[in-house]
PDB file of N, CA and C in Angstrom:
ATOM      1  N   MET A   1     120.150  94.390 107.734  1.00  0.00           N
ATOM      2  CA  MET A   1     121.335  94.193 106.778  1.00  0.00           C
ATOM      3  C   MET A   1     121.957  95.475 106.697  1.00  0.00           C
ATOM      4  N   ARG A   2     123.016  95.695 106.300  1.00  0.00           N
ATOM      5  CA  ARG A   2     123.745  96.903 106.048  1.00  0.00           C
ATOM      6  C   ARG A   2     123.848  96.965 104.489  1.00  0.00           C
ATOM      7  N   VAL A   3     123.393  98.147 103.813  1.00  0.00           N
ATOM      8  CA  VAL A   3     123.515  98.295 102.469  1.00  0.00           C
ATOM      9  C   VAL A   3     124.015  99.536 102.038  1.00  0.00           C
ATOM     10  N   MET A   4     124.652  99.609 100.713  1.00  0.00           N
ATOM     11  CA  MET A   4     125.062 100.843 100.252  1.00  0.00           C
ATOM     12  C   MET A   4     124.033 101.185  99.297  1.00  0.00           C
ATOM     13  N   LEU A   5     123.466 102.571  99.623  1.00  0.00           N
ATOM     14  CA  LEU A   5     122.216 102.919  98.889  1.00  0.00           C
ATOM     15  C   LEU A   5     122.780 104.233  98.003  1.00  0.00           C
ATOM     16  N   GLU A   6     122.706 103.966  96.704  1.00  0.00           N
ATOM     17  CA  GLU A   6     123.171 105.036  95.742  1.00  0.00           C
ATOM     18  C   GLU A   6     122.039 105.448  94.705  1.00  0.00           C
ATOM     19  N   LEU A   7     122.044 106.829  94.613  1.00  0.00           N
ATOM     20  CA  LEU A   7     121.095 107.410  93.917  1.00  0.00           C
ATOM     21  C   LEU A   7     121.741 108.094  92.683  1.00  0.00           C
ATOM     22  N   VAL A   8     121.219 107.569  91.545  1.00  0.00           N
ATOM     23  CA  VAL A   8     122.157 107.936  90.181  1.00  0.00           C
ATOM     24  C   VAL A   8     121.066 108.541  89.321  1.00  0.00           C
ATOM     25  N   LYS A   9     121.391 109.530  88.542  1.00  0.00           N
ATOM     26  CA  LYS A   9     120.588 110.166  87.569  1.00  0.00           C
ATOM     27  C   LYS A   9     121.390 110.680  86.440  1.00  0.00           C
ATOM     28  N   GLY A  10     121.026 110.046  85.164  1.00  0.00           N
ATOM     29  CA  GLY A  10     121.949 110.372  83.975  1.00  0.00           C
ATOM     30  C   GLY A  10     123.385 110.372  84.192  1.00  0.00           C
ATOM     31  N   GLY A  11     123.721 109.220  84.783  1.00  0.00           N
ATOM     32  CA  GLY A  11     125.257 108.781  84.984  1.00  0.00           C
ATOM     33  C   GLY A  11     125.802 109.402  86.151  1.00  0.00           C
ATOM     34  N   HIS A  12     125.245 110.465  86.707  1.00  0.00           N
ATOM     35  CA  HIS A  12     125.779 111.239  87.821  1.00  0.00           C
ATOM     36  C   HIS A  12     125.199 110.928  89.382  1.00  0.00           C
ATOM     37  N   ARG A  13     126.024 110.652  90.112  1.00  0.00           N
ATOM     38  CA  ARG A  13     125.713 110.271  91.495  1.00  0.00           C
ATOM     39  C   ARG A  13     125.216 111.392  92.449  1.00  0.00           C
ATOM     40  N   LEU A  14     123.655 111.408  92.773  1.00  0.00           N
ATOM     41  CA  LEU A  14     123.156 112.395  93.553  1.00  0.00           C
ATOM     42  C   LEU A  14     123.457 112.195  95.051  1.00  0.00           C
ATOM     43  N   HIS A  15     123.558 110.904  95.282  1.00  0.00           N
ATOM     44  CA  HIS A  15     123.593 110.663  96.696  1.00  0.00           C
ATOM     45  C   HIS A  15     124.160 109.255  96.863  1.00  0.00           C
ATOM     46  N   GLN A  16     125.049 109.019  98.071  1.00  0.00           N
ATOM     47  CA  GLN A  16     125.587 107.569  98.293  1.00  0.00           C
ATOM     48  C   GLN A  16     125.517 107.531  99.800  1.00  0.00           C
ATOM     49  N   GLY A  17     125.256 106.536 100.253  1.00  0.00           N
ATOM     50  CA  GLY A  17     125.209 106.343 101.811  1.00  0.00           C
ATOM     51  C   GLY A  17     125.179 104.933 102.129  1.00  0.00           C
ATOM     52  N   THR A  18     125.470 104.708 103.305  1.00  0.00           N
ATOM     53  CA  THR A  18     125.625 103.245 104.033  1.00  0.00           C
ATOM     54  C   THR A  18     124.387 103.278 105.086  1.00  0.00           C
ATOM     55  N   TYR A  19     123.494 102.406 105.043  1.00  0.00           N
ATOM     56  CA  TYR A  19     122.526 102.344 105.966  1.00  0.00           C
ATOM     57  C   TYR A  19     122.203 100.854 106.467  1.00  0.00           C
ATOM     58  N   GLU A  20     121.616 100.821 107.544  1.00  0.00           N
ATOM     59  CA  GLU A  20     121.025  99.576 108.193  1.00  0.00           C
ATOM     60  C   GLU A  20     119.717  99.419 107.785  1.00  0.00           C
ATOM     61  N   ILE A  21     119.287  98.690 106.871  1.00  0.00           N
ATOM     62  CA  ILE A  21     117.731  98.400 106.517  1.00  0.00           C
ATOM     63  C   ILE A  21     117.363  97.119 106.664  1.00  0.00           C
ATOM     64  N   ASN A  22     116.355  96.942 107.615  1.00  0.00           N
ATOM     65  CA  ASN A  22     115.880  95.593 107.978  1.00  0.00           C
ATOM     66  C   ASN A  22     114.563  95.512 107.583  1.00  0.00           C
ATOM     67  N   ASP A  23     113.675  96.598 107.435  1.00  0.00           N
ATOM     68  CA  ASP A  23     112.142  96.488 107.142  1.00  0.00           C
ATOM     69  C   ASP A  23     111.751  97.720 106.766  1.00  0.00           C
ATOM     70  N   ASP A  24     110.364  98.001 106.166  1.00  0.00           N
ATOM     71  CA  ASP A  24     109.781  99.147 105.521  1.00  0.00           C
ATOM     72  C   ASP A  24     110.128 100.429 106.405  1.00  0.00           C
ATOM     73  N   THR A  25     110.316 100.317 107.680  1.00  0.00           N
ATOM     74  CA  THR A  25     110.578 101.511 108.487  1.00  0.00           C
ATOM     75  C   THR A  25     111.992 102.004 108.369  1.00  0.00           C
ATOM     76  N   THR A  26     113.180 101.151 108.372  1.00  0.00           N
ATOM     77  CA  THR A  26     114.376 101.486 108.041  1.00  0.00           C
ATOM     78  C   THR A  26     114.622 101.715 106.574  1.00  0.00           C
ATOM     79  N   PHE A  27     113.843 101.389 105.706  1.00  0.00           N
ATOM     80  CA  PHE A  27     114.162 101.666 104.360  1.00  0.00           C
ATOM     81  C   PHE A  27     113.565 103.005 104.135  1.00  0.00           C
ATOM     82  N   GLY A  28     112.380 103.259 104.845  1.00  0.00           N
ATOM     83  CA  GLY A  28     111.798 104.659 104.771  1.00  0.00           C
ATOM     84  C   GLY A  28     112.571 105.730 105.245  1.00  0.00           C
ATOM     85  N   ALA A  29     113.181 105.291 106.388  1.00  0.00           N
ATOM     86  CA  ALA A  29     114.419 106.255 106.954  1.00  0.00           C
ATOM     87  C   ALA A  29     115.360 106.609 106.068  1.00  0.00           C
ATOM     88  N   ALA A  30     115.825 105.464 105.363  1.00  0.00           N
ATOM     89  CA  ALA A  30     116.990 105.717 104.459  1.00  0.00           C
ATOM     90  C   ALA A  30     116.718 106.563 103.291  1.00  0.00           C
ATOM     91  N   CYS A  31     115.443 106.481 102.802  1.00  0.00           N
ATOM     92  CA  CYS A  31     114.893 107.371 101.714  1.00  0.00           C
ATOM     93  C   CYS A  31     114.511 108.602 102.208  1.00  0.00           C
ATOM     94  N   ALA A  32     114.071 108.586 103.436  1.00  0.00           N
ATOM     95  CA  ALA A  32     114.047 110.151 103.940  1.00  0.00           C
ATOM     96  C   ALA A  32     115.201 111.083 104.114  1.00  0.00           C
ATOM     97  N   ASP A  33     116.280 110.131 104.418  1.00  0.00           N
ATOM     98  CA  ASP A  33     117.692 110.701 104.408  1.00  0.00           C
ATOM     99  C   ASP A  33     118.228 111.110 103.161  1.00  0.00           C
ATOM    100  N   VAL A  34     117.925 110.355 102.052  1.00  0.00           N
ATOM    101  CA  VAL A  34     118.230 110.775 100.659  1.00  0.00           C
ATOM    102  C   VAL A  34     117.375 111.990 100.234  1.00  0.00           C
ATOM    103  N   TRP A  35     116.165 112.060 100.413  1.00  0.00           N
ATOM    104  CA  TRP A  35     115.412 113.176 100.189  1.00  0.00           C
ATOM    105  C   TRP A  35     116.116 114.565 100.880  1.00  0.00           C
ATOM    106  N   PHE A  36     116.367 114.498 102.143  1.00  0.00           N
ATOM    107  CA  PHE A  36     116.834 115.647 102.876  1.00  0.00           C
ATOM    108  C   PHE A  36     118.249 116.031 102.080  1.00  0.00           C
ATOM    109  N   ASN A  37     118.878 114.997 102.014  1.00  0.00           N
ATOM    110  CA  ASN A  37     120.388 115.461 101.282  1.00  0.00           C
ATOM    111  C   ASN A  37     120.144 116.042  99.869  1.00  0.00           C
ATOM    112  N   VAL A  38     119.268 115.475  99.115  1.00  0.00           N
ATOM    113  CA  VAL A  38     119.069 116.071  97.675  1.00  0.00           C
ATOM    114  C   VAL A  38     118.432 117.575  97.872  1.00  0.00           C
ATOM    115  N   ARG A  39     117.425 117.423  98.748  1.00  0.00           N
ATOM    116  CA  ARG A  39     116.840 118.956  99.060  1.00  0.00           C
ATOM    117  C   ARG A  39     117.917 119.942  99.463  1.00  0.00           C
ATOM    118  N   GLU A  40     118.748 119.558 100.178  1.00  0.00           N
ATOM    119  CA  GLU A  40     119.978 120.451 100.815  1.00  0.00           C
ATOM    120  C   GLU A  40     120.986 120.796  99.402  1.00  0.00           C
ATOM    121  N   GLN A  41     121.248 119.698  98.524  1.00  0.00           N
ATOM    122  CA  GLN A  41     121.861 120.028  97.487  1.00  0.00           C
ATOM    123  C   GLN A  41     121.134 121.194  96.452  1.00  0.00           C
ATOM    124  N   CYS A  42     120.012 120.914  96.384  1.00  0.00           N
ATOM    125  CA  CYS A  42     119.048 121.945  95.424  1.00  0.00           C
ATOM    126  C   CYS A  42     119.020 123.043  96.266  1.00  0.00           C
ATOM    127  N   ALA A  43     119.084 123.262  97.368  1.00  0.00           N
ATOM    128  CA  ALA A  43     119.047 124.651  98.076  1.00  0.00           C
ATOM    129  C   ALA A  43     120.330 125.442  97.961  1.00  0.00           C
ATOM    130  N   ALA A  44     121.383 124.467  97.920  1.00  0.00           N
ATOM    131  CA  ALA A  44     122.822 125.103  97.833  1.00  0.00           C
ATOM    132  C   ALA A  44     122.861 125.843  96.362  1.00  0.00           C
ATOM    133  N   LYS A  45     122.180 125.227  95.371  1.00  0.00           N
ATOM    134  CA  LYS A  45     122.114 125.673  94.049  1.00  0.00           C
ATOM    135  C   LYS A  45     121.409 127.065  93.813  1.00  0.00           C
ATOM    136  N   ALA A  46     120.460 127.329  94.711  1.00  0.00           N
ATOM    137  CA  ALA A  46     119.615 128.243  94.575  1.00  0.00           C
ATOM    138  C   ALA A  46     120.083 129.674  94.745  1.00  0.00           C
ATOM    139  N   THR A  47     119.857 130.656  93.698  1.00  0.00           N
ATOM    140  CA  THR A  47     120.444 131.880  93.595  1.00  0.00           C
ATOM    141  C   THR A  47     119.640 133.301  94.033  1.00  0.00           C
ATOM    142  N   SER A  48     118.290 132.734  94.489  1.00  0.00           N
ATOM    143  CA  SER A  48     117.326 133.779  94.844  1.00  0.00           C
ATOM    144  C   SER A  48     116.414 133.152  95.839  1.00  0.00           C
ATOM    145  N   ILE A  49     115.701 133.904  96.742  1.00  0.00           N
ATOM    146  CA  ILE A  49     114.729 133.658  97.548  1.00  0.00           C
ATOM    147  C   ILE A  49     113.669 132.698  96.873  1.00  0.00           C
ATOM    148  N   GLY A  50     113.353 133.336  95.708  1.00  0.00           N
ATOM    149  CA  GLY A  50     112.286 132.615  94.933  1.00  0.00           C
ATOM    150  C   GLY A  50     112.592 130.950  94.633  1.00  0.00           C
ATOM    151  N   GLU A  51     113.861 130.767  94.005  1.00  0.00           N
ATOM    152  CA  GLU A  51     114.486 129.565  93.873  1.00  0.00           C
ATOM    153  C   GLU A  51     114.401 128.878  95.021  1.00  0.00           C
ATOM    154  N   LEU A  52     114.947 129.392  96.208  1.00  0.00           N
ATOM    155  CA  LEU A  52     114.951 128.869  97.478  1.00  0.00           C
ATOM    156  C   LEU A  52     113.624 128.192  97.969  1.00  0.00           C
ATOM    157  N   MET A  53     112.522 128.861  97.720  1.00  0.00           N
ATOM    158  CA  MET A  53     111.298 128.321  98.135  1.00  0.00           C
ATOM    159  C   MET A  53     110.960 127.393  97.039  1.00  0.00           C
ATOM    160  N   ASP A  54     111.224 127.374  95.927  1.00  0.00           N
ATOM    161  CA  ASP A  54     111.112 126.207  94.938  1.00  0.00           C
ATOM    162  C   ASP A  54     111.673 124.787  95.508  1.00  0.00           C
ATOM    163  N   THR A  55     112.803 125.108  96.160  1.00  0.00           N
ATOM    164  CA  THR A  55     113.593 123.824  96.277  1.00  0.00           C
ATOM    165  C   THR A  55     112.847 122.924  97.499  1.00  0.00           C
ATOM    166  N   MET A  56     112.060 123.775  98.242  1.00  0.00           N
ATOM    167  CA  MET A  56     111.478 123.044  99.264  1.00  0.00           C
ATOM    168  C   MET A  56     110.154 121.955  98.971  1.00  0.00           C
ATOM    169  N   HIS A  57     109.928 122.476  97.345  1.00  0.00           N
ATOM    170  CA  HIS A  57     108.735 121.679  96.878  1.00  0.00           C
ATOM    171  C   HIS A  57     109.128 120.980  95.570  1.00  0.00           C
ATOM    172  N   ASP A  58     108.900 121.577  94.487  1.00  0.00           N
ATOM    173  CA  ASP A  58     109.113 121.200  93.179  1.00  0.00           C
ATOM    174  C   ASP A  58     110.523 120.741  92.730  1.00  0.00           C
ATOM    175  N   SER A  59     111.729 121.596  92.985  1.00  0.00           N
ATOM    176  CA  SER A  59     112.857 121.103  92.657  1.00  0.00           C
ATOM    177  C   SER A  59     113.396 119.668  93.075  1.00  0.00           C
ATOM    178  N   VAL A  60     112.945 119.361  94.166  1.00  0.00           N
ATOM    179  CA  VAL A  60     113.545 117.933  94.660  1.00  0.00           C
ATOM    180  C   VAL A  60     112.800 116.962  93.722  1.00  0.00           C
ATOM    181  N   ILE A  61     111.632 117.029  93.614  1.00  0.00           N
ATOM    182  CA  ILE A  61     110.807 116.099  92.682  1.00  0.00           C
ATOM    183  C   ILE A  61     111.525 116.101  91.344  1.00  0.00           C
ATOM    184  N   ASP A  62     111.886 117.372  90.798  1.00  0.00           N
ATOM    185  CA  ASP A  62     112.421 117.498  89.504  1.00  0.00           C
ATOM    186  C   ASP A  62     113.768 116.760  89.602  1.00  0.00           C
ATOM    187  N   GLU A  63     114.516 116.921  90.531  1.00  0.00           N
ATOM    188  CA  GLU A  63     115.820 116.381  90.589  1.00  0.00           C
ATOM    189  C   GLU A  63     115.883 114.754  90.685  1.00  0.00           C
ATOM    190  N   LEU A  64     114.924 114.198  91.382  1.00  0.00           N
ATOM    191  CA  LEU A  64     114.517 112.837  91.626  1.00  0.00           C
ATOM    192  C   LEU A  64     113.926 112.143  90.417  1.00  0.00           C
ATOM    193  N   ASN A  65     113.205 112.881  89.693  1.00  0.00           N
ATOM    194  CA  ASN A  65     112.626 112.364  88.685  1.00  0.00           C
ATOM    195  C   ASN A  65     113.380 111.696  87.475  1.00  0.00           C
ATOM    196  N   GLY A  66     113.326 110.431  87.299  1.00  0.00           N
ATOM    197  CA  GLY A  66     114.198 109.813  86.412  1.00  0.00           C
ATOM    198  C   GLY A  66     115.473 109.173  86.975  1.00  0.00           C
ATOM    199  N   ALA A  67     115.601 109.340  88.263  1.00  0.00           N
ATOM    200  CA  ALA A  67     116.764 108.874  89.075  1.00  0.00           C
ATOM    201  C   ALA A  67     116.620 107.404  89.372  1.00  0.00           C
ATOM    202  N   GLU A  68     117.552 106.752  89.463  1.00  0.00           N
ATOM    203  CA  GLU A  68     117.671 105.336  89.770  1.00  0.00           C
ATOM    204  C   GLU A  68     118.122 105.119  91.290  1.00  0.00           C
ATOM    205  N   ILE A  69     117.554 104.148  91.968  1.00  0.00           N
ATOM    206  CA  ILE A  69     118.136 103.756  93.191  1.00  0.00           C
ATOM    207  C   ILE A  69     118.671 102.496  93.158  1.00  0.00           C
ATOM    208  N   ARG A  70     120.090 102.344  93.597  1.00  0.00           N
ATOM    209  CA  ARG A  70     120.861 101.155  93.573  1.00  0.00           C
ATOM    210  C   ARG A  70     121.184 100.754  94.820  1.00  0.00           C
ATOM    211  N   LEU A  71     121.018  99.431  95.299  1.00  0.00           N
ATOM    212  CA  LEU A  71     121.204  99.045  96.493  1.00  0.00           C
ATOM    213  C   LEU A  71     122.304  97.846  96.642  1.00  0.00           C
ATOM    214  N   ARG A  72     123.311  97.774  97.450  1.00  0.00           N
ATOM    215  CA  ARG A  72     124.355  96.809  97.314  1.00  0.00           C
ATOM    216  C   ARG A  72     124.656  96.356  98.734  1.00  0.00           C
ATOM    217  N   LYS A  73     124.285  95.018  99.093  1.00  0.00           N
ATOM    218  CA  LYS A  73     124.636  94.620 100.439  1.00  0.00           C
ATOM    219  C   LYS A  73     126.128  94.490 100.639  1.00  0.00           C
ATOM    220  N   LEU A  74     126.353  95.048 101.913  1.00  0.00           N
ATOM    221  CA  LEU A  74     127.679  95.018 102.322  1.00  0.00           C
ATOM    222  C   LEU A  74     128.160  93.985 103.335  1.00  0.00           C
TER     223      LEU A  74
END
């Protein structure tokens, strides 16, 4: 089924996308896409090489901590 997946934290949208989700594999692929996009957003904010290295690991988890996943059937 086609769904709108939105990731929200503190009232701000971190990611929104439309995905075809039919099982655990396609749900996992959608979540992997969200991870990739959030990681890219964190990397874009980095102002030094050290911060950029952190975005590969901890800052993505920090960004996702407390976030809410919302799904809506389309």
